[in-house]
């Protein structure tokens, strides 16, 4: 693409770089100029006009944006996106359903480094979005971009499926709370209510609750009871364990109890505060979350992120958890027993 000033008499077939007033109207930026337009420009007293002239290897901005946006939604059932009509080199992508936005950041960065003319901007990863909300936008910066660049971006978008909106899975949640003499029954009741409140928007419910002594054997006994009393063992079940004391080590009561019941511990600790002292694991086909103490509060904390990820995506990988540090410093919960400062 060649950008610059040309005589008005030679402007037909070029793209107007800046909106320009002429007799009887206004020619908008990005317009492909016609012979009649050139006459109107000359009648307005102009002899030179700034335009963009396309090469055979160029793709116009709207066409390029639409091709890349379409590739981002190449599997609509999985991606769950809707494309708006292109305009001024932009195509907006909206959520086709209510759910959790899953963004593959490395792939988005890779796409944005293909060519400075091609840009993709998204909402933050793991944003909870309503159906119809804009979640991303493809914007072509100049009036055209090289065909080779568009093709590389399309191929990457199709291969990586870097944007998707996951609908929630209505889960059957099993709650285990451990007890110590210092823990009031009212505190346990409040914890159960707050968990139910967190689950309600996703259609998930607490199916059963166990309250057991804060010992490894007590946790293992409750976990074994789930297998004994409930037949389904798949990823639509979730186990949440609130300890009377925080998980401070992989050998602490909650992770040790999970392993004693035949489960596996995935992670202990996460770079989100409040929410550092969280555990993830598996028991058969079920995900397990060892909740941090701050999850007893309704304020946002790392538990919310992990809970929503489990419900919408079905798993939390170690890499996903370890990548939460940037942006992981959340508002302090002022009634925490050990606040960050003070």
C-alpha atoms as a PDB file:
ATOM      1  CA  UNK A   1       0.000   0.000   0.000  1.00  0.00           C
ATOM      2  CA  UNK A   2       1.253   3.477  -0.913  1.00  0.00           C
ATOM      3  CA  UNK A   3       0.134   6.335   1.327  1.00  0.00           C
ATOM      4  CA  UNK A   4       0.518   9.972   0.364  1.00  0.00           C
ATOM      5  CA  UNK A   5      -0.683  12.951  -1.596  1.00  0.00           C
ATOM      6  CA  UNK A   6      -1.794  12.666  -5.249  1.00  0.00           C
ATOM      7  CA  UNK A   7      -3.338  15.110  -7.706  1.00  0.00           C
ATOM      8  CA  UNK A   8      -7.104  15.112  -7.424  1.00  0.00           C
ATOM      9  CA  UNK A   9      -7.324  14.186 -11.097  1.00  0.00           C
ATOM     10  CA  UNK A  10      -5.567  10.878 -10.264  1.00  0.00           C
ATOM     11  CA  UNK A  11      -7.540  10.067  -7.083  1.00  0.00           C
ATOM     12  CA  UNK A  12     -10.203   7.783  -8.564  1.00  0.00           C
ATOM     13  CA  UNK A  13      -9.663   4.210  -7.391  1.00  0.00           C
ATOM     14  CA  UNK A  14      -7.747   5.355  -4.307  1.00  0.00           C
ATOM     15  CA  UNK A  15      -8.877   5.303  -0.669  1.00  0.00           C
ATOM     16  CA  UNK A  16      -9.535   8.663   0.946  1.00  0.00           C
ATOM     17  CA  UNK A  17      -7.241   9.092   3.963  1.00  0.00           C
ATOM     18  CA  UNK A  18      -9.144  11.875   5.744  1.00  0.00           C
ATOM     19  CA  UNK A  19     -12.794  12.931   5.729  1.00  0.00           C
ATOM     20  CA  UNK A  20     -13.217  15.898   3.430  1.00  0.00           C
ATOM     21  CA  UNK A  21     -16.067  18.375   2.898  1.00  0.00           C
ATOM     22  CA  UNK A  22     -17.242  18.974  -0.665  1.00  0.00           C
ATOM     23  CA  UNK A  23     -20.178  20.865  -2.119  1.00  0.00           C
ATOM     24  CA  UNK A  24     -23.359  19.107  -1.052  1.00  0.00           C
ATOM     25  CA  UNK A  25     -21.846  16.699   1.456  1.00  0.00           C
ATOM     26  CA  UNK A  26     -18.879  15.061   3.127  1.00  0.00           C
ATOM     27  CA  UNK A  27     -16.646  12.303   1.789  1.00  0.00           C
ATOM     28  CA  UNK A  28     -15.752  10.009   4.681  1.00  0.00           C
ATOM     29  CA  UNK A  29     -12.346   8.626   5.527  1.00  0.00           C
ATOM     30  CA  UNK A  30     -11.844   5.169   4.028  1.00  0.00           C
ATOM     31  CA  UNK A  31     -14.061   5.781   0.998  1.00  0.00           C
ATOM     32  CA  UNK A  32     -12.944   4.306  -2.324  1.00  0.00           C
ATOM     33  CA  UNK A  33     -12.986   7.410  -4.493  1.00  0.00           C
ATOM     34  CA  UNK A  34     -14.857   7.441  -7.815  1.00  0.00           C
ATOM     35  CA  UNK A  35     -14.484   9.649 -10.858  1.00  0.00           C
ATOM     36  CA  UNK A  36     -17.485  11.674  -9.605  1.00  0.00           C
ATOM     37  CA  UNK A  37     -15.788  12.109  -6.246  1.00  0.00           C
ATOM     38  CA  UNK A  38     -12.696  13.472  -7.989  1.00  0.00           C
ATOM     39  CA  UNK A  39     -14.876  16.010  -9.775  1.00  0.00           C
ATOM     40  CA  UNK A  40     -16.483  17.093  -6.483  1.00  0.00           C
ATOM     41  CA  UNK A  41     -13.043  17.469  -4.877  1.00  0.00           C
ATOM     42  CA  UNK A  42     -11.851  19.611  -7.757  1.00  0.00           C
ATOM     43  CA  UNK A  43     -15.020  21.707  -7.590  1.00  0.00           C
ATOM     44  CA  UNK A  44     -14.256  22.293  -3.903  1.00  0.00           C
ATOM     45  CA  UNK A  45     -10.966  23.889  -4.970  1.00  0.00           C
ATOM     46  CA  UNK A  46      -8.663  21.006  -4.068  1.00  0.00           C
ATOM     47  CA  UNK A  47      -5.742  20.116  -6.301  1.00  0.00           C
ATOM     48  CA  UNK A  48      -4.057  17.502  -4.083  1.00  0.00           C
ATOM     49  CA  UNK A  49      -5.596  14.895  -1.760  1.00  0.00           C
ATOM     50  CA  UNK A  50      -4.067  12.376   0.680  1.00  0.00           C
ATOM     51  CA  UNK A  51      -4.985   8.817  -0.239  1.00  0.00           C
ATOM     52  CA  UNK A  52      -3.959   5.202   0.133  1.00  0.00           C
ATOM     53  CA  UNK A  53      -3.298   3.261  -3.081  1.00  0.00           C
ATOM     54  CA  UNK A  54      -3.563  -0.504  -2.885  1.00  0.00           C
ATOM     55  CA  UNK A  55      -1.078  -2.972  -4.290  1.00  0.00           C
ATOM     56  CA  UNK A  56      -2.220  -6.311  -5.739  1.00  0.00           C
ATOM     57  CA  UNK A  57      -0.896  -8.004  -2.574  1.00  0.00           C
ATOM     58  CA  UNK A  58      -3.059  -5.871  -0.237  1.00  0.00           C
ATOM     59  CA  UNK A  59      -6.342  -6.776   1.478  1.00  0.00           C
ATOM     60  CA  UNK A  60      -8.712  -3.926   2.363  1.00  0.00           C
ATOM     61  CA  UNK A  61      -9.169  -3.270   6.059  1.00  0.00           C
ATOM     62  CA  UNK A  62     -12.779  -4.478   6.415  1.00  0.00           C
ATOM     63  CA  UNK A  63     -12.124  -7.647   4.443  1.00  0.00           C
ATOM     64  CA  UNK A  64      -8.998  -8.422   6.452  1.00  0.00           C
ATOM     65  CA  UNK A  65     -10.712  -7.826   9.799  1.00  0.00           C
ATOM     66  CA  UNK A  66     -13.638 -10.046   8.832  1.00  0.00           C
ATOM     67  CA  UNK A  67     -11.389 -12.871   7.671  1.00  0.00           C
ATOM     68  CA  UNK A  68      -9.387 -12.861  10.907  1.00  0.00           C
ATOM     69  CA  UNK A  69     -12.472 -12.550  13.130  1.00  0.00           C
ATOM     70  CA  UNK A  70     -14.135 -15.422  11.263  1.00  0.00           C
ATOM     71  CA  UNK A  71     -11.042 -17.571  11.824  1.00  0.00           C
ATOM     72  CA  UNK A  72     -11.179 -16.762  15.556  1.00  0.00           C
ATOM     73  CA  UNK A  73     -14.693 -18.269  15.563  1.00  0.00           C
ATOM     74  CA  UNK A  74     -13.929 -21.121  13.161  1.00  0.00           C
ATOM     75  CA  UNK A  75     -15.581 -23.583  15.573  1.00  0.00           C
ATOM     76  CA  UNK A  76     -18.695 -21.652  16.701  1.00  0.00           C
ATOM     77  CA  UNK A  77     -19.954 -24.435  18.985  1.00  0.00           C
ATOM     78  CA  UNK A  78     -16.702 -24.378  20.938  1.00  0.00           C
ATOM     79  CA  UNK A  79     -15.837 -20.679  20.677  1.00  0.00           C
ATOM     80  CA  UNK A  80     -19.324 -19.331  21.384  1.00  0.00           C
ATOM     81  CA  UNK A  81     -18.830 -16.020  19.586  1.00  0.00           C
ATOM     82  CA  UNK A  82     -20.922 -13.790  17.323  1.00  0.00           C
ATOM     83  CA  UNK A  83     -19.382 -11.421  14.773  1.00  0.00           C
ATOM     84  CA  UNK A  84     -20.636  -7.909  14.129  1.00  0.00           C
ATOM     85  CA  UNK A  85     -20.572  -6.374  10.674  1.00  0.00           C
ATOM     86  CA  UNK A  86     -17.189  -4.943   9.665  1.00  0.00           C
ATOM     87  CA  UNK A  87     -16.665  -1.202   9.548  1.00  0.00           C
ATOM     88  CA  UNK A  88     -13.670   1.161   9.536  1.00  0.00           C
ATOM     89  CA  UNK A  89     -11.358  -1.833   9.624  1.00  0.00           C
ATOM     90  CA  UNK A  90     -12.969  -3.296  12.743  1.00  0.00           C
ATOM     91  CA  UNK A  91     -14.976  -6.416  13.561  1.00  0.00           C
ATOM     92  CA  UNK A  92     -16.307  -6.781  17.105  1.00  0.00           C
ATOM     93  CA  UNK A  93     -16.843 -10.220  18.623  1.00  0.00           C
ATOM     94  CA  UNK A  94     -19.658 -10.759  21.117  1.00  0.00           C
ATOM     95  CA  UNK A  95     -20.508 -13.610  23.472  1.00  0.00           C
ATOM     96  CA  UNK A  96     -23.087 -15.937  21.949  1.00  0.00           C
ATOM     97  CA  UNK A  97     -23.869 -17.253  25.436  1.00  0.00           C
ATOM     98  CA  UNK A  98     -23.425 -16.317  29.078  1.00  0.00           C
ATOM     99  CA  UNK A  99     -20.280 -17.826  30.521  1.00  0.00           C
ATOM    100  CA  UNK A 100     -16.562 -17.521  31.242  1.00  0.00           C
ATOM    101  CA  UNK A 101     -14.245 -15.979  28.645  1.00  0.00           C
ATOM    102  CA  UNK A 102     -11.178 -18.142  28.091  1.00  0.00           C
ATOM    103  CA  UNK A 103      -8.297 -16.301  26.401  1.00  0.00           C
ATOM    104  CA  UNK A 104      -5.069 -17.997  25.321  1.00  0.00           C
ATOM    105  CA  UNK A 105      -2.779 -15.069  26.050  1.00  0.00           C
ATOM    106  CA  UNK A 106       0.333 -16.437  24.349  1.00  0.00           C
ATOM    107  CA  UNK A 107      -1.623 -17.025  21.146  1.00  0.00           C
ATOM    108  CA  UNK A 108      -3.151 -13.540  21.247  1.00  0.00           C
ATOM    109  CA  UNK A 109       0.320 -12.055  21.735  1.00  0.00           C
ATOM    110  CA  UNK A 110       1.602 -14.137  18.834  1.00  0.00           C
ATOM    111  CA  UNK A 111      -1.196 -12.903  16.569  1.00  0.00           C
ATOM    112  CA  UNK A 112      -0.534  -9.274  17.521  1.00  0.00           C
ATOM    113  CA  UNK A 113       3.143  -9.708  16.569  1.00  0.00           C
ATOM    114  CA  UNK A 114       2.475 -10.972  13.045  1.00  0.00           C
ATOM    115  CA  UNK A 115       2.139  -7.480  11.565  1.00  0.00           C
ATOM    116  CA  UNK A 116       1.694  -4.076  13.263  1.00  0.00           C
ATOM    117  CA  UNK A 117      -1.298  -3.539  10.977  1.00  0.00           C
ATOM    118  CA  UNK A 118      -3.223  -6.388  12.679  1.00  0.00           C
ATOM    119  CA  UNK A 119      -4.500  -5.995  16.251  1.00  0.00           C
ATOM    120  CA  UNK A 120      -6.686  -8.103  18.530  1.00  0.00           C
ATOM    121  CA  UNK A 121      -7.881  -6.747  21.884  1.00  0.00           C
ATOM    122  CA  UNK A 122      -9.909  -8.783  24.400  1.00  0.00           C
ATOM    123  CA  UNK A 123     -11.467  -8.566  27.830  1.00  0.00           C
ATOM    124  CA  UNK A 124      -9.294 -10.033  30.610  1.00  0.00           C
ATOM    125  CA  UNK A 125      -9.032 -13.806  30.736  1.00  0.00           C
ATOM    126  CA  UNK A 126     -11.656 -15.506  32.921  1.00  0.00           C
ATOM    127  CA  UNK A 127     -14.087 -12.597  32.664  1.00  0.00           C
ATOM    128  CA  UNK A 128     -17.659 -13.619  33.442  1.00  0.00           C
ATOM    129  CA  UNK A 129     -19.734 -12.265  30.563  1.00  0.00           C
ATOM    130  CA  UNK A 130     -23.408 -12.035  29.690  1.00  0.00           C
ATOM    131  CA  UNK A 131     -24.740 -13.151  26.327  1.00  0.00           C
ATOM    132  CA  UNK A 132     -24.288 -10.333  23.835  1.00  0.00           C
ATOM    133  CA  UNK A 133     -21.401  -8.590  25.579  1.00  0.00           C
ATOM    134  CA  UNK A 134     -18.465  -7.546  23.411  1.00  0.00           C
ATOM    135  CA  UNK A 135     -15.489  -9.706  24.392  1.00  0.00           C
ATOM    136  CA  UNK A 136     -12.946  -8.850  21.692  1.00  0.00           C
ATOM    137  CA  UNK A 137     -12.301  -6.649  18.690  1.00  0.00           C
ATOM    138  CA  UNK A 138     -10.155  -7.125  15.591  1.00  0.00           C
ATOM    139  CA  UNK A 139      -8.892  -3.804  14.244  1.00  0.00           C
ATOM    140  CA  UNK A 140      -6.780  -3.275  11.147  1.00  0.00           C
ATOM    141  CA  UNK A 141      -4.750  -0.098  11.694  1.00  0.00           C
ATOM    142  CA  UNK A 142      -4.100   1.128   8.115  1.00  0.00           C
ATOM    143  CA  UNK A 143      -6.494   0.991   5.199  1.00  0.00           C
ATOM    144  CA  UNK A 144      -5.079  -2.316   3.976  1.00  0.00           C
ATOM    145  CA  UNK A 145      -2.750  -5.108   5.059  1.00  0.00           C
ATOM    146  CA  UNK A 146      -0.638  -7.618   3.199  1.00  0.00           C
ATOM    147  CA  UNK A 147      -2.415 -10.799   2.088  1.00  0.00           C
ATOM    148  CA  UNK A 148       0.454 -12.874   3.501  1.00  0.00           C
ATOM    149  CA  UNK A 149      -0.049 -11.348   6.968  1.00  0.00           C
ATOM    150  CA  UNK A 150      -3.801 -11.957   6.891  1.00  0.00           C
ATOM    151  CA  UNK A 151      -3.279 -15.567   5.867  1.00  0.00           C
ATOM    152  CA  UNK A 152      -0.785 -16.215   8.693  1.00  0.00           C
ATOM    153  CA  UNK A 153      -3.197 -14.650  11.212  1.00  0.00           C
ATOM    154  CA  UNK A 154      -6.081 -16.783   9.919  1.00  0.00           C
ATOM    155  CA  UNK A 155      -4.053 -19.970  10.188  1.00  0.00           C
ATOM    156  CA  UNK A 156      -2.965 -19.168  13.742  1.00  0.00           C
ATOM    157  CA  UNK A 157      -6.528 -18.287  14.798  1.00  0.00           C
ATOM    158  CA  UNK A 158      -7.934 -21.541  13.422  1.00  0.00           C
ATOM    159  CA  UNK A 159      -5.175 -23.632  14.939  1.00  0.00           C
ATOM    160  CA  UNK A 160      -5.160 -22.154  18.440  1.00  0.00           C
ATOM    161  CA  UNK A 161      -8.864 -21.332  19.051  1.00  0.00           C
ATOM    162  CA  UNK A 162      -7.582 -18.555  21.273  1.00  0.00           C
ATOM    163  CA  UNK A 163     -10.976 -17.123  22.286  1.00  0.00           C
ATOM    164  CA  UNK A 164     -13.918 -19.051  23.696  1.00  0.00           C
ATOM    165  CA  UNK A 165     -16.881 -18.456  25.989  1.00  0.00           C
ATOM    166  CA  UNK A 166     -17.598 -21.506  28.141  1.00  0.00           C
ATOM    167  CA  UNK A 167     -21.119 -21.952  29.456  1.00  0.00           C
ATOM    168  CA  UNK A 168     -21.344 -23.120  33.083  1.00  0.00           C
ATOM    169  CA  UNK A 169     -21.986 -26.746  33.937  1.00  0.00           C
ATOM    170  CA  UNK A 170     -24.629 -27.144  36.641  1.00  0.00           C
ATOM    171  CA  UNK A 171     -22.637 -29.071  39.216  1.00  0.00           C
ATOM    172  CA  UNK A 172     -23.503 -31.232  42.161  1.00  0.00           C
ATOM    173  CA  UNK A 173     -21.302 -29.857  44.926  1.00  0.00           C
ATOM    174  CA  UNK A 174     -20.293 -31.791  48.020  1.00  0.00           C
ATOM    175  CA  UNK A 175     -19.265 -29.602  50.946  1.00  0.00           C
ATOM    176  CA  UNK A 176     -16.986 -30.802  53.730  1.00  0.00           C
ATOM    177  CA  UNK A 177     -16.257 -28.571  56.719  1.00  0.00           C
ATOM    178  CA  UNK A 178     -13.852 -29.519  59.473  1.00  0.00           C
ATOM    179  CA  UNK A 179     -14.452 -28.480  63.065  1.00  0.00           C
ATOM    180  CA  UNK A 180     -12.411 -27.418  66.044  1.00  0.00           C
ATOM    181  CA  UNK A 181     -13.739 -26.425  69.473  1.00  0.00           C
ATOM    182  CA  UNK A 182     -13.074 -22.772  68.642  1.00  0.00           C
ATOM    183  CA  UNK A 183     -15.258 -22.822  65.500  1.00  0.00           C
ATOM    184  CA  UNK A 184     -18.869 -21.756  66.034  1.00  0.00           C
ATOM    185  CA  UNK A 185     -21.732 -23.598  64.352  1.00  0.00           C
ATOM    186  CA  UNK A 186     -23.036 -20.257  63.143  1.00  0.00           C
ATOM    187  CA  UNK A 187     -19.764 -19.683  61.251  1.00  0.00           C
ATOM    188  CA  UNK A 188     -20.134 -23.043  59.500  1.00  0.00           C
ATOM    189  CA  UNK A 189     -23.743 -22.257  58.613  1.00  0.00           C
ATOM    190  CA  UNK A 190     -22.716 -18.907  57.174  1.00  0.00           C
ATOM    191  CA  UNK A 191     -19.942 -20.540  55.121  1.00  0.00           C
ATOM    192  CA  UNK A 192     -22.430 -22.969  53.582  1.00  0.00           C
ATOM    193  CA  UNK A 193     -24.834 -20.144  52.707  1.00  0.00           C
ATOM    194  CA  UNK A 194     -22.113 -18.094  51.063  1.00  0.00           C
ATOM    195  CA  UNK A 195     -20.953 -21.042  49.000  1.00  0.00           C
ATOM    196  CA  UNK A 196     -24.551 -21.622  47.895  1.00  0.00           C
ATOM    197  CA  UNK A 197     -24.780 -17.949  46.904  1.00  0.00           C
ATOM    198  CA  UNK A 198     -21.636 -18.286  44.784  1.00  0.00           C
ATOM    199  CA  UNK A 199     -23.009 -21.383  43.072  1.00  0.00           C
ATOM    200  CA  UNK A 200     -26.534 -20.147  42.391  1.00  0.00           C
ATOM    201  CA  UNK A 201     -25.837 -18.085  39.215  1.00  0.00           C
ATOM    202  CA  UNK A 202     -24.354 -21.183  37.539  1.00  0.00           C
ATOM    203  CA  UNK A 203     -27.241 -23.514  38.378  1.00  0.00           C
ATOM    204  CA  UNK A 204     -25.014 -25.522  40.731  1.00  0.00           C
ATOM    205  CA  UNK A 205     -26.154 -26.602  44.185  1.00  0.00           C
ATOM    206  CA  UNK A 206     -24.797 -28.111  47.366  1.00  0.00           C
ATOM    207  CA  UNK A 207     -25.975 -31.720  47.231  1.00  0.00           C
ATOM    208  CA  UNK A 208     -24.765 -32.737  50.687  1.00  0.00           C
ATOM    209  CA  UNK A 209     -22.633 -31.431  53.537  1.00  0.00           C
ATOM    210  CA  UNK A 210     -20.428 -33.220  56.046  1.00  0.00           C
ATOM    211  CA  UNK A 211     -19.012 -31.689  59.228  1.00  0.00           C
ATOM    212  CA  UNK A 212     -16.116 -33.683  60.630  1.00  0.00           C
ATOM    213  CA  UNK A 213     -13.299 -33.202  63.145  1.00  0.00           C
ATOM    214  CA  UNK A 214     -10.287 -31.316  61.833  1.00  0.00           C
ATOM    215  CA  UNK A 215      -8.183 -34.424  61.412  1.00  0.00           C
ATOM    216  CA  UNK A 216      -6.828 -36.305  58.416  1.00  0.00           C
ATOM    217  CA  UNK A 217      -9.041 -39.284  59.252  1.00  0.00           C
ATOM    218  CA  UNK A 218     -12.142 -37.094  59.449  1.00  0.00           C
ATOM    219  CA  UNK A 219     -11.530 -35.613  55.995  1.00  0.00           C
ATOM    220  CA  UNK A 220     -10.813 -39.045  54.508  1.00  0.00           C
ATOM    221  CA  UNK A 221     -13.985 -40.464  56.073  1.00  0.00           C
ATOM    222  CA  UNK A 222     -16.141 -37.737  54.530  1.00  0.00           C
ATOM    223  CA  UNK A 223     -14.511 -38.203  51.129  1.00  0.00           C
ATOM    224  CA  UNK A 224     -15.065 -41.937  51.268  1.00  0.00           C
ATOM    225  CA  UNK A 225     -18.716 -41.320  52.158  1.00  0.00           C
ATOM    226  CA  UNK A 226     -19.192 -39.456  48.873  1.00  0.00           C
ATOM    227  CA  UNK A 227     -18.200 -42.545  46.897  1.00  0.00           C
ATOM    228  CA  UNK A 228     -20.301 -44.767  49.130  1.00  0.00           C
ATOM    229  CA  UNK A 229     -23.486 -42.678  49.109  1.00  0.00           C
ATOM    230  CA  UNK A 230     -23.535 -41.080  45.653  1.00  0.00           C
ATOM    231  CA  UNK A 231     -23.304 -43.050  42.446  1.00  0.00           C
ATOM    232  CA  UNK A 232     -22.133 -40.499  39.877  1.00  0.00           C
ATOM    233  CA  UNK A 233     -18.384 -40.011  39.686  1.00  0.00           C
ATOM    234  CA  UNK A 234     -17.583 -37.561  36.893  1.00  0.00           C
ATOM    235  CA  UNK A 235     -16.529 -33.986  36.203  1.00  0.00           C
ATOM    236  CA  UNK A 236     -20.037 -32.693  36.915  1.00  0.00           C
ATOM    237  CA  UNK A 237     -19.330 -33.286  40.596  1.00  0.00           C
ATOM    238  CA  UNK A 238     -17.218 -30.922  42.686  1.00  0.00           C
ATOM    239  CA  UNK A 239     -15.932 -31.345  46.237  1.00  0.00           C
ATOM    240  CA  UNK A 240     -15.212 -28.226  48.302  1.00  0.00           C
ATOM    241  CA  UNK A 241     -13.430 -28.561  51.653  1.00  0.00           C
ATOM    242  CA  UNK A 242     -13.329 -25.760  54.214  1.00  0.00           C
ATOM    243  CA  UNK A 243     -10.819 -26.413  56.954  1.00  0.00           C
ATOM    244  CA  UNK A 244     -11.185 -25.101  60.484  1.00  0.00           C
ATOM    245  CA  UNK A 245      -7.524 -24.173  60.102  1.00  0.00           C
ATOM    246  CA  UNK A 246      -5.856 -22.905  56.922  1.00  0.00           C
ATOM    247  CA  UNK A 247      -3.840 -25.202  54.647  1.00  0.00           C
ATOM    248  CA  UNK A 248      -0.236 -24.246  55.372  1.00  0.00           C
ATOM    249  CA  UNK A 249       1.657 -27.201  53.889  1.00  0.00           C
ATOM    250  CA  UNK A 250       1.143 -30.048  51.365  1.00  0.00           C
ATOM    251  CA  UNK A 251       1.232 -32.427  54.340  1.00  0.00           C
ATOM    252  CA  UNK A 252      -1.446 -30.514  56.283  1.00  0.00           C
ATOM    253  CA  UNK A 253      -4.801 -32.014  57.297  1.00  0.00           C
ATOM    254  CA  UNK A 254      -6.820 -31.291  54.124  1.00  0.00           C
ATOM    255  CA  UNK A 255      -4.301 -32.511  51.491  1.00  0.00           C
ATOM    256  CA  UNK A 256      -3.294 -35.443  53.702  1.00  0.00           C
ATOM    257  CA  UNK A 257      -6.942 -36.437  54.112  1.00  0.00           C
ATOM    258  CA  UNK A 258      -7.466 -36.300  50.343  1.00  0.00           C
ATOM    259  CA  UNK A 259      -4.507 -38.582  49.725  1.00  0.00           C
ATOM    260  CA  UNK A 260      -5.643 -40.941  52.493  1.00  0.00           C
ATOM    261  CA  UNK A 261      -8.964 -41.320  50.671  1.00  0.00           C
ATOM    262  CA  UNK A 262      -7.176 -42.281  47.463  1.00  0.00           C
ATOM    263  CA  UNK A 263      -7.204 -38.849  45.860  1.00  0.00           C
ATOM    264  CA  UNK A 264      -4.373 -36.793  44.426  1.00  0.00           C
ATOM    265  CA  UNK A 265      -3.233 -33.295  45.323  1.00  0.00           C
ATOM    266  CA  UNK A 266      -2.630 -31.028  42.335  1.00  0.00           C
ATOM    267  CA  UNK A 267      -1.535 -27.683  43.779  1.00  0.00           C
ATOM    268  CA  UNK A 268      -1.143 -26.145  47.213  1.00  0.00           C
ATOM    269  CA  UNK A 269      -0.955 -22.367  47.218  1.00  0.00           C
ATOM    270  CA  UNK A 270      -1.667 -19.800  44.516  1.00  0.00           C
ATOM    271  CA  UNK A 271      -0.323 -16.315  43.634  1.00  0.00           C
ATOM    272  CA  UNK A 272      -3.597 -14.548  44.423  1.00  0.00           C
ATOM    273  CA  UNK A 273      -4.143 -12.562  47.594  1.00  0.00           C
ATOM    274  CA  UNK A 274      -6.555 -12.949  49.315  1.00  0.00           C
ATOM    275  CA  UNK A 275      -6.672 -16.628  48.427  1.00  0.00           C
ATOM    276  CA  UNK A 276      -3.067 -17.816  48.744  1.00  0.00           C
ATOM    277  CA  UNK A 277      -3.849 -20.848  50.890  1.00  0.00           C
ATOM    278  CA  UNK A 278      -5.896 -22.845  48.379  1.00  0.00           C
ATOM    279  CA  UNK A 279      -5.538 -26.468  47.307  1.00  0.00           C
ATOM    280  CA  UNK A 280      -6.704 -28.244  44.162  1.00  0.00           C
ATOM    281  CA  UNK A 281      -6.888 -31.978  43.604  1.00  0.00           C
ATOM    282  CA  UNK A 282      -8.868 -34.906  42.280  1.00  0.00           C
ATOM    283  CA  UNK A 283     -10.784 -37.777  43.822  1.00  0.00           C
ATOM    284  CA  UNK A 284     -11.607 -40.239  41.072  1.00  0.00           C
ATOM    285  CA  UNK A 285     -13.438 -38.223  38.426  1.00  0.00           C
ATOM    286  CA  UNK A 286     -14.261 -35.365  40.765  1.00  0.00           C
ATOM    287  CA  UNK A 287     -12.426 -32.056  41.158  1.00  0.00           C
ATOM    288  CA  UNK A 288     -11.545 -31.043  44.706  1.00  0.00           C
ATOM    289  CA  UNK A 289     -10.938 -27.549  46.074  1.00  0.00           C
ATOM    290  CA  UNK A 290      -9.449 -26.996  49.501  1.00  0.00           C
ATOM    291  CA  UNK A 291     -10.813 -23.505  50.165  1.00  0.00           C
ATOM    292  CA  UNK A 292      -8.791 -20.722  51.803  1.00  0.00           C
ATOM    293  CA  UNK A 293     -10.201 -19.075  54.890  1.00  0.00           C
ATOM    294  CA  UNK A 294     -10.989 -15.864  52.989  1.00  0.00           C
ATOM    295  CA  UNK A 295     -13.592 -17.797  50.969  1.00  0.00           C
ATOM    296  CA  UNK A 296     -15.866 -17.567  54.026  1.00  0.00           C
ATOM    297  CA  UNK A 297     -16.245 -13.899  53.085  1.00  0.00           C
ATOM    298  CA  UNK A 298     -18.470 -12.737  50.201  1.00  0.00           C
ATOM    299  CA  UNK A 299     -15.653 -10.459  48.961  1.00  0.00           C
ATOM    300  CA  UNK A 300     -13.837 -11.506  45.803  1.00  0.00           C
ATOM    301  CA  UNK A 301     -10.806 -13.707  46.405  1.00  0.00           C
ATOM    302  CA  UNK A 302      -8.782 -16.395  44.651  1.00  0.00           C
ATOM    303  CA  UNK A 303     -11.339 -19.068  45.502  1.00  0.00           C
ATOM    304  CA  UNK A 304     -13.871 -17.324  43.250  1.00  0.00           C
ATOM    305  CA  UNK A 305     -11.500 -17.568  40.286  1.00  0.00           C
ATOM    306  CA  UNK A 306     -10.821 -21.262  40.818  1.00  0.00           C
ATOM    307  CA  UNK A 307     -14.470 -22.095  41.501  1.00  0.00           C
ATOM    308  CA  UNK A 308     -15.677 -20.377  38.323  1.00  0.00           C
ATOM    309  CA  UNK A 309     -12.935 -22.004  36.264  1.00  0.00           C
ATOM    310  CA  UNK A 310     -13.897 -25.444  37.562  1.00  0.00           C
ATOM    311  CA  UNK A 311     -17.585 -24.868  36.807  1.00  0.00           C
ATOM    312  CA  UNK A 312     -17.124 -23.357  33.353  1.00  0.00           C
ATOM    313  CA  UNK A 313     -13.988 -25.010  31.979  1.00  0.00           C
ATOM    314  CA  UNK A 314     -13.875 -28.178  34.059  1.00  0.00           C
ATOM    315  CA  UNK A 315     -10.321 -27.988  35.362  1.00  0.00           C
ATOM    316  CA  UNK A 316      -7.552 -25.745  36.677  1.00  0.00           C
ATOM    317  CA  UNK A 317      -4.068 -26.627  35.474  1.00  0.00           C
ATOM    318  CA  UNK A 318      -0.945 -25.906  37.463  1.00  0.00           C
ATOM    319  CA  UNK A 319       0.208 -23.524  34.720  1.00  0.00           C
ATOM    320  CA  UNK A 320      -3.093 -21.636  34.860  1.00  0.00           C
ATOM    321  CA  UNK A 321      -2.859 -21.218  38.634  1.00  0.00           C
ATOM    322  CA  UNK A 322       0.807 -20.199  38.603  1.00  0.00           C
ATOM    323  CA  UNK A 323       0.015 -17.597  35.927  1.00  0.00           C
ATOM    324  CA  UNK A 324      -2.457 -15.657  38.085  1.00  0.00           C
ATOM    325  CA  UNK A 325       0.107 -13.466  39.812  1.00  0.00           C
ATOM    326  CA  UNK A 326      -0.191 -10.465  37.484  1.00  0.00           C
ATOM    327  CA  UNK A 327      -3.496  -8.977  38.601  1.00  0.00           C
ATOM    328  CA  UNK A 328      -3.657 -11.367  41.531  1.00  0.00           C
ATOM    329  CA  UNK A 329      -3.406  -8.671  44.212  1.00  0.00           C
ATOM    330  CA  UNK A 330      -7.067  -8.147  45.075  1.00  0.00           C
ATOM    331  CA  UNK A 331      -8.781  -5.780  47.468  1.00  0.00           C
ATOM    332  CA  UNK A 332      -8.013  -6.582  51.071  1.00  0.00           C
ATOM    333  CA  UNK A 333     -10.718  -8.305  53.134  1.00  0.00           C
ATOM    334  CA  UNK A 334     -10.590  -6.160  56.249  1.00  0.00           C
ATOM    335  CA  UNK A 335     -11.859  -8.769  58.685  1.00  0.00           C
ATOM    336  CA  UNK A 336      -9.153 -11.301  57.774  1.00  0.00           C
ATOM    337  CA  UNK A 337      -7.413 -12.677  60.868  1.00  0.00           C
ATOM    338  CA  UNK A 338      -4.011 -11.754  59.368  1.00  0.00           C
ATOM    339  CA  UNK A 339      -4.333  -8.817  56.931  1.00  0.00           C
ATOM    340  CA  UNK A 340      -1.449  -7.920  54.593  1.00  0.00           C
ATOM    341  CA  UNK A 341      -0.724  -4.727  56.522  1.00  0.00           C
ATOM    342  CA  UNK A 342      -1.493  -3.467  59.959  1.00  0.00           C
END
